[in-house]
Amino acid sequence: VHNRPVQGSKGSYRVNLRHGVSRIRSGLRHTVGIIFHDAK
């Protein structure tokens, strides 16, 4: 995935940050689900 800044670097950084956070959240949720599943 190539993210090339358009005009303001702040705007693109904001978009990349939001995308990264959502990806990390979904990853964490997946990991936690596996851990709880194994705990049972």
N, C-alpha and C. Protein backbone atom coordinates (compact mmCIF):
# COMPACT_ATOMS: atom_id res chain seq x y z
N VAL A 1 0.86 -1.20 0.00
CA VAL A 1 0.00 0.00 0.00
C VAL A 1 0.88 1.23 0.00
N HIS A 2 0.74 2.06 -1.03
CA HIS A 2 1.55 3.27 -1.12
C HIS A 2 0.70 4.48 -0.78
N ASN A 3 1.09 5.17 0.28
CA ASN A 3 0.36 6.38 0.66
C ASN A 3 1.22 7.58 0.32
N ARG A 4 0.81 8.33 -0.70
CA ARG A 4 1.60 9.51 -1.06
C ARG A 4 0.88 10.75 -0.58
N PRO A 5 1.56 11.59 0.20
CA PRO A 5 0.94 12.79 0.78
C PRO A 5 0.42 13.73 -0.29
N VAL A 6 -0.81 14.19 -0.14
CA VAL A 6 -1.41 15.13 -1.08
C VAL A 6 -1.43 16.50 -0.43
N GLN A 7 -0.67 17.43 -0.99
CA GLN A 7 -0.58 18.81 -0.48
C GLN A 7 -0.07 18.78 0.96
N GLY A 8 -0.95 18.80 1.96
CA GLY A 8 -0.51 18.89 3.36
C GLY A 8 -0.12 17.54 3.91
N SER A 9 1.06 17.45 4.50
CA SER A 9 1.51 16.18 5.09
C SER A 9 0.69 15.87 6.34
N LYS A 10 0.18 16.90 7.01
CA LYS A 10 -0.63 16.67 8.22
C LYS A 10 -1.89 15.89 7.88
N GLY A 11 -2.56 16.27 6.80
CA GLY A 11 -3.79 15.58 6.42
C GLY A 11 -3.55 14.11 6.13
N SER A 12 -2.51 13.81 5.34
CA SER A 12 -2.23 12.42 4.99
C SER A 12 -1.82 11.64 6.24
N TYR A 13 -1.04 12.29 7.12
CA TYR A 13 -0.60 11.63 8.35
C TYR A 13 -1.82 11.24 9.19
N ARG A 14 -2.79 12.15 9.23
CA ARG A 14 -3.99 11.90 10.01
C ARG A 14 -4.73 10.67 9.47
N VAL A 15 -4.85 10.59 8.15
CA VAL A 15 -5.55 9.46 7.53
C VAL A 15 -4.80 8.16 7.81
N ASN A 16 -3.47 8.18 7.65
CA ASN A 16 -2.68 6.97 7.89
C ASN A 16 -2.80 6.54 9.35
N LEU A 17 -2.80 7.51 10.25
CA LEU A 17 -2.89 7.20 11.68
C LEU A 17 -4.21 6.52 11.98
N ARG A 18 -5.31 7.08 11.45
CA ARG A 18 -6.63 6.50 11.72
C ARG A 18 -6.69 5.08 11.16
N HIS A 19 -6.15 4.87 9.97
CA HIS A 19 -6.18 3.56 9.34
C HIS A 19 -5.36 2.57 10.17
N GLY A 20 -4.20 3.01 10.64
CA GLY A 20 -3.33 2.15 11.43
C GLY A 20 -4.00 1.76 12.74
N VAL A 21 -4.65 2.72 13.39
CA VAL A 21 -5.30 2.44 14.68
C VAL A 21 -6.40 1.41 14.51
N SER A 22 -7.22 1.56 13.47
CA SER A 22 -8.31 0.61 13.25
C SER A 22 -7.75 -0.78 12.99
N ARG A 23 -6.63 -0.84 12.25
CA ARG A 23 -6.03 -2.14 11.94
C ARG A 23 -5.50 -2.77 13.22
N ILE A 24 -4.87 -1.96 14.09
CA ILE A 24 -4.32 -2.48 15.34
C ILE A 24 -5.46 -2.96 16.25
N ARG A 25 -6.55 -2.18 16.29
CA ARG A 25 -7.69 -2.55 17.14
C ARG A 25 -8.26 -3.89 16.71
N SER A 26 -8.45 -4.08 15.40
CA SER A 26 -9.02 -5.34 14.91
C SER A 26 -8.06 -6.48 15.23
N GLY A 27 -6.76 -6.23 15.12
CA GLY A 27 -5.76 -7.25 15.43
C GLY A 27 -5.81 -7.62 16.90
N LEU A 28 -5.92 -6.60 17.76
CA LEU A 28 -5.99 -6.86 19.20
C LEU A 28 -7.23 -7.68 19.53
N ARG A 29 -8.35 -7.31 18.94
CA ARG A 29 -9.61 -8.00 19.20
C ARG A 29 -9.47 -9.47 18.80
N HIS A 30 -8.83 -9.72 17.66
CA HIS A 30 -8.65 -11.08 17.18
C HIS A 30 -7.78 -11.87 18.16
N THR A 31 -6.67 -11.24 18.61
CA THR A 31 -5.75 -11.91 19.53
C THR A 31 -6.44 -12.21 20.86
N VAL A 32 -7.17 -11.24 21.39
CA VAL A 32 -7.87 -11.43 22.66
C VAL A 32 -8.89 -12.56 22.54
N GLY A 33 -9.59 -12.60 21.41
CA GLY A 33 -10.57 -13.66 21.19
C GLY A 33 -9.91 -15.03 21.23
N ILE A 34 -8.76 -15.15 20.60
CA ILE A 34 -8.04 -16.43 20.58
C ILE A 34 -7.61 -16.80 21.99
N ILE A 35 -7.10 -15.82 22.75
CA ILE A 35 -6.63 -16.08 24.12
C ILE A 35 -7.78 -16.57 24.99
N PHE A 36 -8.92 -15.88 24.92
CA PHE A 36 -10.07 -16.28 25.73
C PHE A 36 -10.58 -17.65 25.30
N HIS A 37 -10.54 -17.91 24.01
CA HIS A 37 -11.01 -19.20 23.50
C HIS A 37 -10.14 -20.32 24.04
N ASP A 38 -8.81 -20.08 24.10
CA ASP A 38 -7.90 -21.10 24.62
C ASP A 38 -8.06 -21.24 26.13
N ALA A 39 -8.37 -20.13 26.80
CA ALA A 39 -8.50 -20.17 28.26
C ALA A 39 -9.65 -21.08 28.67
N LYS A 40 -10.72 -21.10 27.88
CA LYS A 40 -11.86 -21.95 28.20
C LYS A 40 -11.47 -23.40 27.95
